Amino acid sequence: MSTLFPLTRRTLPLLAAALIFSVAAPAAIAQPAPAPTWSQEDTVRIVNEVQKKLAGLPNYSVFDWITFGVQGRTIILKG
């Protein structure tokens, strides 16, 4: 069996490390832009509105578990 680049016990870990670094490096270098946010007053108003809407759901009971959070200008519902 003839290959151009024979894999040995030394070269395989080096190739694996190079592959991992080449895939992970761009993600580590790239800094995400800060998400735009609302003012504190707008955030408080929106949180209050979401709480009222969730509490007013017709099928909502003590056995339901619904939470939400604000991330930038996105409201994330969980439950």
PDB file of N, CA and C in Angstrom:
ATOM      1  N   MET A   1       0.844  -1.163   0.000  1.00  0.00           N
ATOM      2  CA  MET A   1       0.000   0.000   0.000  1.00  0.00           C
ATOM      3  C   MET A   1       0.891   1.227   0.000  1.00  0.00           C
ATOM      4  N   SER A   2       0.759   2.030  -1.018  1.00  0.00           N
ATOM      5  CA  SER A   2       1.611   3.203  -1.169  1.00  0.00           C
ATOM      6  C   SER A   2       0.778   4.464  -1.011  1.00  0.00           C
ATOM      7  N   THR A   3       1.183   5.337  -0.098  1.00  0.00           N
ATOM      8  CA  THR A   3       0.499   6.620   0.081  1.00  0.00           C
ATOM      9  C   THR A   3       1.508   7.741  -0.011  1.00  0.00           C
ATOM     10  N   LEU A   4       1.017   8.907  -0.325  1.00  0.00           N
ATOM     11  CA  LEU A   4       1.905  10.063  -0.407  1.00  0.00           C
ATOM     12  C   LEU A   4       2.348  10.535   0.966  1.00  0.00           C
ATOM     13  N   PHE A   5       1.448  10.412   1.952  1.00  0.00           N
ATOM     14  CA  PHE A   5       1.755  10.885   3.291  1.00  0.00           C
ATOM     15  C   PHE A   5       1.372   9.801   4.284  1.00  0.00           C
ATOM     16  N   PRO A   6       2.298   8.977   4.682  1.00  0.00           N
ATOM     17  CA  PRO A   6       1.945   7.874   5.579  1.00  0.00           C
ATOM     18  C   PRO A   6       1.583   8.406   6.972  1.00  0.00           C
ATOM     19  N   LEU A   7       0.465   7.921   7.522  1.00  0.00           N
ATOM     20  CA  LEU A   7       0.031   8.317   8.856  1.00  0.00           C
ATOM     21  C   LEU A   7       0.741   7.456   9.881  1.00  0.00           C
ATOM     22  N   THR A   8       1.387   8.076  10.794  1.00  0.00           N
ATOM     23  CA  THR A   8       2.056   7.357  11.870  1.00  0.00           C
ATOM     24  C   THR A   8       1.437   7.782  13.187  1.00  0.00           C
ATOM     25  N   ARG A   9       1.935   7.218  14.252  1.00  0.00           N
ATOM     26  CA  ARG A   9       1.403   7.563  15.572  1.00  0.00           C
ATOM     27  C   ARG A   9       1.690   9.012  15.936  1.00  0.00           C
ATOM     28  N   ARG A  10       2.704   9.608  15.354  1.00  0.00           N
ATOM     29  CA  ARG A  10       3.031  11.011  15.657  1.00  0.00           C
ATOM     30  C   ARG A  10       2.236  11.972  14.798  1.00  0.00           C
ATOM     31  N   THR A  11       2.021  11.647  13.553  1.00  0.00           N
ATOM     32  CA  THR A  11       1.377  12.609  12.652  1.00  0.00           C
ATOM     33  C   THR A  11      -0.127  12.649  12.814  1.00  0.00           C
ATOM     34  N   LEU A  12      -0.768  11.553  13.209  1.00  0.00           N
ATOM     35  CA  LEU A  12      -2.215  11.543  13.351  1.00  0.00           C
ATOM     36  C   LEU A  12      -2.702  12.531  14.415  1.00  0.00           C
ATOM     37  N   PRO A  13      -2.123  12.571  15.614  1.00  0.00           N
ATOM     38  CA  PRO A  13      -2.566  13.585  16.586  1.00  0.00           C
ATOM     39  C   PRO A  13      -2.299  15.013  16.112  1.00  0.00           C
ATOM     40  N   LEU A  14      -1.210  15.220  15.397  1.00  0.00           N
ATOM     41  CA  LEU A  14      -0.932  16.555  14.884  1.00  0.00           C
ATOM     42  C   LEU A  14      -1.966  16.977  13.848  1.00  0.00           C
ATOM     43  N   LEU A  15      -2.341  16.057  12.983  1.00  0.00           N
ATOM     44  CA  LEU A  15      -3.373  16.371  11.995  1.00  0.00           C
ATOM     45  C   LEU A  15      -4.713  16.627  12.669  1.00  0.00           C
ATOM     46  N   ALA A  16      -5.051  15.854  13.677  1.00  0.00           N
ATOM     47  CA  ALA A  16      -6.300  16.055  14.400  1.00  0.00           C
ATOM     48  C   ALA A  16      -6.306  17.412  15.092  1.00  0.00           C
ATOM     49  N   ALA A  17      -5.207  17.782  15.723  1.00  0.00           N
ATOM     50  CA  ALA A  17      -5.116  19.081  16.397  1.00  0.00           C
ATOM     51  C   ALA A  17      -5.215  20.222  15.390  1.00  0.00           C
ATOM     52  N   ALA A  18      -4.573  20.075  14.243  1.00  0.00           N
ATOM     53  CA  ALA A  18      -4.642  21.115  13.222  1.00  0.00           C
ATOM     54  C   ALA A  18      -6.053  21.266  12.695  1.00  0.00           C
ATOM     55  N   LEU A  19      -6.765  20.165  12.512  1.00  0.00           N
ATOM     56  CA  LEU A  19      -8.139  20.223  12.036  1.00  0.00           C
ATOM     57  C   LEU A  19      -9.043  20.895  13.056  1.00  0.00           C
ATOM     58  N   ILE A  20      -8.896  20.515  14.318  1.00  0.00           N
ATOM     59  CA  ILE A  20      -9.710  21.122  15.378  1.00  0.00           C
ATOM     60  C   ILE A  20      -9.427  22.617  15.485  1.00  0.00           C
ATOM     61  N   PHE A  21      -8.158  23.006  15.431  1.00  0.00           N
ATOM     62  CA  PHE A  21      -7.807  24.419  15.531  1.00  0.00           C
ATOM     63  C   PHE A  21      -8.335  25.199  14.345  1.00  0.00           C
ATOM     64  N   SER A  22      -8.257  24.631  13.152  1.00  0.00           N
ATOM     65  CA  SER A  22      -8.722  25.361  11.970  1.00  0.00           C
ATOM     66  C   SER A  22     -10.226  25.539  11.974  1.00  0.00           C
ATOM     67  N   VAL A  23     -10.958  24.641  12.613  1.00  0.00           N
ATOM     68  CA  VAL A  23     -12.410  24.777  12.700  1.00  0.00           C
ATOM     69  C   VAL A  23     -12.800  25.709  13.838  1.00  0.00           C
ATOM     70  N   ALA A  24     -12.097  25.630  14.976  1.00  0.00           N
ATOM     71  CA  ALA A  24     -12.478  26.397  16.157  1.00  0.00           C
ATOM     72  C   ALA A  24     -11.927  27.820  16.155  1.00  0.00           C
ATOM     73  N   ALA A  25     -10.843  28.079  15.479  1.00  0.00           N
ATOM     74  CA  ALA A  25     -10.206  29.390  15.537  1.00  0.00           C
ATOM     75  C   ALA A  25     -11.094  30.511  15.000  1.00  0.00           C
ATOM     76  N   PRO A  26     -11.747  30.371  13.852  1.00  0.00           N
ATOM     77  CA  PRO A  26     -12.589  31.484  13.388  1.00  0.00           C
ATOM     78  C   PRO A  26     -13.717  31.819  14.354  1.00  0.00           C
ATOM     79  N   ALA A  27     -14.292  30.830  15.008  1.00  0.00           N
ATOM     80  CA  ALA A  27     -15.366  31.093  15.962  1.00  0.00           C
ATOM     81  C   ALA A  27     -14.823  31.794  17.203  1.00  0.00           C
ATOM     82  N   ALA A  28     -13.612  31.464  17.619  1.00  0.00           N
ATOM     83  CA  ALA A  28     -13.033  32.093  18.801  1.00  0.00           C
ATOM     84  C   ALA A  28     -12.598  33.527  18.514  1.00  0.00           C
ATOM     85  N   ILE A  29     -12.173  33.796  17.293  1.00  0.00           N
ATOM     86  CA  ILE A  29     -11.701  35.130  16.942  1.00  0.00           C
ATOM     87  C   ILE A  29     -12.860  36.090  16.690  1.00  0.00           C
ATOM     88  N   ALA A  30     -13.903  35.613  16.055  1.00  0.00           N
ATOM     89  CA  ALA A  30     -15.039  36.463  15.707  1.00  0.00           C
ATOM     90  C   ALA A  30     -15.796  36.865  16.963  1.00  0.00           C
ATOM     91  N   GLN A  31     -15.968  38.136  17.157  1.00  0.00           N
ATOM     92  CA  GLN A  31     -16.716  38.659  18.284  1.00  0.00           C
ATOM     93  C   GLN A  31     -18.108  39.060  17.802  1.00  0.00           C
ATOM     94  N   PRO A  32     -19.154  38.522  18.408  1.00  0.00           N
ATOM     95  CA  PRO A  32     -20.498  38.903  17.982  1.00  0.00           C
ATOM     96  C   PRO A  32     -20.783  40.352  18.336  1.00  0.00           C
ATOM     97  N   ALA A  33     -21.505  41.007  17.463  1.00  0.00           N
ATOM     98  CA  ALA A  33     -21.881  42.397  17.712  1.00  0.00           C
ATOM     99  C   ALA A  33     -22.873  42.421  18.866  1.00  0.00           C
ATOM    100  N   PRO A  34     -22.770  43.411  19.743  1.00  0.00           N
ATOM    101  CA  PRO A  34     -23.719  43.476  20.849  1.00  0.00           C
ATOM    102  C   PRO A  34     -25.140  43.676  20.319  1.00  0.00           C
ATOM    103  N   ALA A  35     -26.054  42.916  20.889  1.00  0.00           N
ATOM    104  CA  ALA A  35     -27.445  43.001  20.446  1.00  0.00           C
ATOM    105  C   ALA A  35     -28.046  44.326  20.887  1.00  0.00           C
ATOM    106  N   PRO A  36     -28.852  44.940  20.026  1.00  0.00           N
ATOM    107  CA  PRO A  36     -29.504  46.186  20.438  1.00  0.00           C
ATOM    108  C   PRO A  36     -30.473  45.896  21.580  1.00  0.00           C
ATOM    109  N   THR A  37     -30.557  46.812  22.515  1.00  0.00           N
ATOM    110  CA  THR A  37     -31.420  46.618  23.676  1.00  0.00           C
ATOM    111  C   THR A  37     -32.408  47.764  23.793  1.00  0.00           C
ATOM    112  N   TRP A  38     -33.443  47.527  24.571  1.00  0.00           N
ATOM    113  CA  TRP A  38     -34.405  48.567  24.861  1.00  0.00           C
ATOM    114  C   TRP A  38     -33.911  49.379  26.054  1.00  0.00           C
ATOM    115  N   SER A  39     -34.513  50.537  26.251  1.00  0.00           N
ATOM    116  CA  SER A  39     -34.194  51.315  27.445  1.00  0.00           C
ATOM    117  C   SER A  39     -34.766  50.588  28.662  1.00  0.00           C
ATOM    118  N   GLN A  40     -34.342  50.969  29.834  1.00  0.00           N
ATOM    119  CA  GLN A  40     -34.808  50.296  31.045  1.00  0.00           C
ATOM    120  C   GLN A  40     -36.315  50.476  31.224  1.00  0.00           C
ATOM    121  N   GLU A  41     -36.824  51.664  30.898  1.00  0.00           N
ATOM    122  CA  GLU A  41     -38.262  51.912  31.022  1.00  0.00           C
ATOM    123  C   GLU A  41     -39.050  51.029  30.063  1.00  0.00           C
ATOM    124  N   ASP A  42     -38.558  50.903  28.815  1.00  0.00           N
ATOM    125  CA  ASP A  42     -39.236  50.044  27.845  1.00  0.00           C
ATOM    126  C   ASP A  42     -39.203  48.591  28.290  1.00  0.00           C
ATOM    127  N   THR A  43     -38.079  48.154  28.840  1.00  0.00           N
ATOM    128  CA  THR A  43     -37.960  46.774  29.298  1.00  0.00           C
ATOM    129  C   THR A  43     -38.954  46.485  30.417  1.00  0.00           C
ATOM    130  N   VAL A  44     -39.084  47.400  31.375  1.00  0.00           N
ATOM    131  CA  VAL A  44     -40.031  47.219  32.484  1.00  0.00           C
ATOM    132  C   VAL A  44     -41.453  47.176  31.946  1.00  0.00           C
ATOM    133  N   ARG A  45     -41.777  48.055  31.000  1.00  0.00           N
ATOM    134  CA  ARG A  45     -43.129  48.086  30.416  1.00  0.00           C
ATOM    135  C   ARG A  45     -43.421  46.779  29.680  1.00  0.00           C
ATOM    136  N   ILE A  46     -42.469  46.292  28.900  1.00  0.00           N
ATOM    137  CA  ILE A  46     -42.664  45.065  28.126  1.00  0.00           C
ATOM    138  C   ILE A  46     -42.779  43.856  29.053  1.00  0.00           C
ATOM    139  N   VAL A  47     -41.964  43.799  30.097  1.00  0.00           N
ATOM    140  CA  VAL A  47     -42.044  42.698  31.058  1.00  0.00           C
ATOM    141  C   VAL A  47     -43.417  42.673  31.715  1.00  0.00           C
ATOM    142  N   ASN A  48     -43.918  43.826  32.113  1.00  0.00           N
ATOM    143  CA  ASN A  48     -45.253  43.893  32.721  1.00  0.00           C
ATOM    144  C   ASN A  48     -46.337  43.440  31.752  1.00  0.00           C
ATOM    145  N   GLU A  49     -46.223  43.849  30.483  1.00  0.00           N
ATOM    146  CA  GLU A  49     -47.207  43.430  29.477  1.00  0.00           C
ATOM    147  C   GLU A  49     -47.168  41.922  29.251  1.00  0.00           C
ATOM    148  N   VAL A  50     -45.986  41.351  29.180  1.00  0.00           N
ATOM    149  CA  VAL A  50     -45.861  39.902  28.972  1.00  0.00           C
ATOM    150  C   VAL A  50     -46.434  39.160  30.173  1.00  0.00           C
ATOM    151  N   GLN A  51     -46.161  39.636  31.392  1.00  0.00           N
ATOM    152  CA  GLN A  51     -46.716  38.996  32.586  1.00  0.00           C
ATOM    153  C   GLN A  51     -48.238  39.011  32.554  1.00  0.00           C
ATOM    154  N   LYS A  52     -48.834  40.138  32.172  1.00  0.00           N
ATOM    155  CA  LYS A  52     -50.295  40.226  32.086  1.00  0.00           C
ATOM    156  C   LYS A  52     -50.848  39.274  31.038  1.00  0.00           C
ATOM    157  N   LYS A  53     -50.196  39.210  29.880  1.00  0.00           N
ATOM    158  CA  LYS A  53     -50.664  38.323  28.807  1.00  0.00           C
ATOM    159  C   LYS A  53     -50.577  36.863  29.236  1.00  0.00           C
ATOM    160  N   LEU A  54     -49.476  36.472  29.884  1.00  0.00           N
ATOM    161  CA  LEU A  54     -49.330  35.085  30.316  1.00  0.00           C
ATOM    162  C   LEU A  54     -50.339  34.734  31.410  1.00  0.00           C
ATOM    163  N   ALA A  55     -50.571  35.658  32.337  1.00  0.00           N
ATOM    164  CA  ALA A  55     -51.525  35.399  33.410  1.00  0.00           C
ATOM    165  C   ALA A  55     -52.952  35.344  32.879  1.00  0.00           C
ATOM    166  N   GLY A  56     -53.206  36.001  31.748  1.00  0.00           N
ATOM    167  CA  GLY A  56     -54.549  36.015  31.185  1.00  0.00           C
ATOM    168  C   GLY A  56     -54.843  34.890  30.214  1.00  0.00           C
ATOM    169  N   LEU A  57     -53.929  33.948  30.074  1.00  0.00           N
ATOM    170  CA  LEU A  57     -54.184  32.818  29.177  1.00  0.00           C
ATOM    171  C   LEU A  57     -55.373  32.011  29.707  1.00  0.00           C
ATOM    172  N   PRO A  58     -56.312  31.634  28.845  1.00  0.00           N
ATOM    173  CA  PRO A  58     -57.527  30.965  29.326  1.00  0.00           C
ATOM    174  C   PRO A  58     -57.273  29.573  29.921  1.00  0.00           C
ATOM    175  N   ASN A  59     -56.286  28.852  29.454  1.00  0.00           N
ATOM    176  CA  ASN A  59     -56.038  27.498  29.955  1.00  0.00           C
ATOM    177  C   ASN A  59     -54.852  27.438  30.907  1.00  0.00           C
ATOM    178  N   TYR A  60     -54.421  28.565  31.444  1.00  0.00           N
ATOM    179  CA  TYR A  60     -53.274  28.619  32.354  1.00  0.00           C
ATOM    180  C   TYR A  60     -53.748  28.264  33.756  1.00  0.00           C
ATOM    181  N   SER A  61     -53.056  27.320  34.414  1.00  0.00           N
ATOM    182  CA  SER A  61     -53.439  26.922  35.768  1.00  0.00           C
ATOM    183  C   SER A  61     -52.183  26.793  36.629  1.00  0.00           C
ATOM    184  N   VAL A  62     -52.388  26.377  37.868  1.00  0.00           N
ATOM    185  CA  VAL A  62     -51.267  26.238  38.787  1.00  0.00           C
ATOM    186  C   VAL A  62     -50.338  25.094  38.372  1.00  0.00           C
ATOM    187  N   PHE A  63     -50.793  24.226  37.474  1.00  0.00           N
ATOM    188  CA  PHE A  63     -49.976  23.106  37.036  1.00  0.00           C
ATOM    189  C   PHE A  63     -49.109  23.457  35.828  1.00  0.00           C
ATOM    190  N   ASP A  64     -49.267  24.664  35.286  1.00  0.00           N
ATOM    191  CA  ASP A  64     -48.466  25.102  34.146  1.00  0.00           C
ATOM    192  C   ASP A  64     -47.242  25.855  34.642  1.00  0.00           C
ATOM    193  N   TRP A  65     -46.177  25.718  33.898  1.00  0.00           N
ATOM    194  CA  TRP A  65     -44.918  26.389  34.241  1.00  0.00           C
ATOM    195  C   TRP A  65     -44.442  27.128  33.003  1.00  0.00           C
ATOM    196  N   ILE A  66     -44.604  28.430  33.003  1.00  0.00           N
ATOM    197  CA  ILE A  66     -44.190  29.258  31.875  1.00  0.00           C
ATOM    198  C   ILE A  66     -43.275  30.353  32.406  1.00  0.00           C
ATOM    199  N   THR A  67     -42.103  30.483  31.804  1.00  0.00           N
ATOM    200  CA  THR A  67     -41.186  31.559  32.154  1.00  0.00           C
ATOM    201  C   THR A  67     -40.805  32.300  30.885  1.00  0.00           C
ATOM    202  N   PHE A  68     -40.237  33.467  31.056  1.00  0.00           N
ATOM    203  CA  PHE A  68     -39.754  34.235  29.912  1.00  0.00           C
ATOM    204  C   PHE A  68     -38.551  35.044  30.338  1.00  0.00           C
ATOM    205  N   GLY A  69     -37.786  35.443  29.360  1.00  0.00           N
ATOM    206  CA  GLY A  69     -36.618  36.273  29.597  1.00  0.00           C
ATOM    207  C   GLY A  69     -36.432  37.232  28.444  1.00  0.00           C
ATOM    208  N   VAL A  70     -35.670  38.272  28.682  1.00  0.00           N
ATOM    209  CA  VAL A  70     -35.386  39.267  27.660  1.00  0.00           C
ATOM    210  C   VAL A  70     -33.910  39.181  27.325  1.00  0.00           C
ATOM    211  N   GLN A  71     -33.615  38.981  26.043  1.00  0.00           N
ATOM    212  CA  GLN A  71     -32.237  38.919  25.561  1.00  0.00           C
ATOM    213  C   GLN A  71     -32.117  39.918  24.427  1.00  0.00           C
ATOM    214  N   GLY A  72     -31.500  41.064  24.698  1.00  0.00           N
ATOM    215  CA  GLY A  72     -31.448  42.111  23.683  1.00  0.00           C
ATOM    216  C   GLY A  72     -32.836  42.640  23.425  1.00  0.00           C
ATOM    217  N   ARG A  73     -33.302  42.503  22.194  1.00  0.00           N
ATOM    218  CA  ARG A  73     -34.673  42.882  21.846  1.00  0.00           C
ATOM    219  C   ARG A  73     -35.520  41.663  21.517  1.00  0.00           C
ATOM    220  N   THR A  74     -35.183  40.543  22.141  1.00  0.00           N
ATOM    221  CA  THR A  74     -35.908  39.311  21.914  1.00  0.00           C
ATOM    222  C   THR A  74     -36.467  38.812  23.239  1.00  0.00           C
ATOM    223  N   ILE A  75     -37.734  38.414  23.227  1.00  0.00           N
ATOM    224  CA  ILE A  75     -38.357  37.814  24.403  1.00  0.00           C
ATOM    225  C   ILE A  75     -38.380  36.317  24.178  1.00  0.00           C
ATOM    226  N   ILE A  76     -37.834  35.571  25.125  1.00  0.00           N
ATOM    227  CA  ILE A  76     -37.731  34.126  24.998  1.00  0.00           C
ATOM    228  C   ILE A  76     -38.699  33.491  25.999  1.00  0.00           C
ATOM    229  N   LEU A  77     -39.653  32.730  25.467  1.00  0.00           N
ATOM    230  CA  LEU A  77     -40.620  32.020  26.296  1.00  0.00           C
ATOM    231  C   LEU A  77     -40.158  30.587  26.506  1.00  0.00           C
ATOM    232  N   LYS A  78     -40.290  30.117  27.742  1.00  0.00           N
ATOM    233  CA  LYS A  78     -39.946  28.733  28.075  1.00  0.00           C
ATOM    234  C   LYS A  78     -41.065  28.168  28.906  1.00  0.00           C
ATOM    235  N   GLY A  79     -41.206  26.876  28.855  1.00  0.00           N
ATOM    236  CA  GLY A  79     -42.228  26.258  29.698  1.00  0.00           C
ATOM    237  C   GLY A  79     -42.547  24.877  29.250  1.00  0.00           C
TER     238      GLY A  79
END
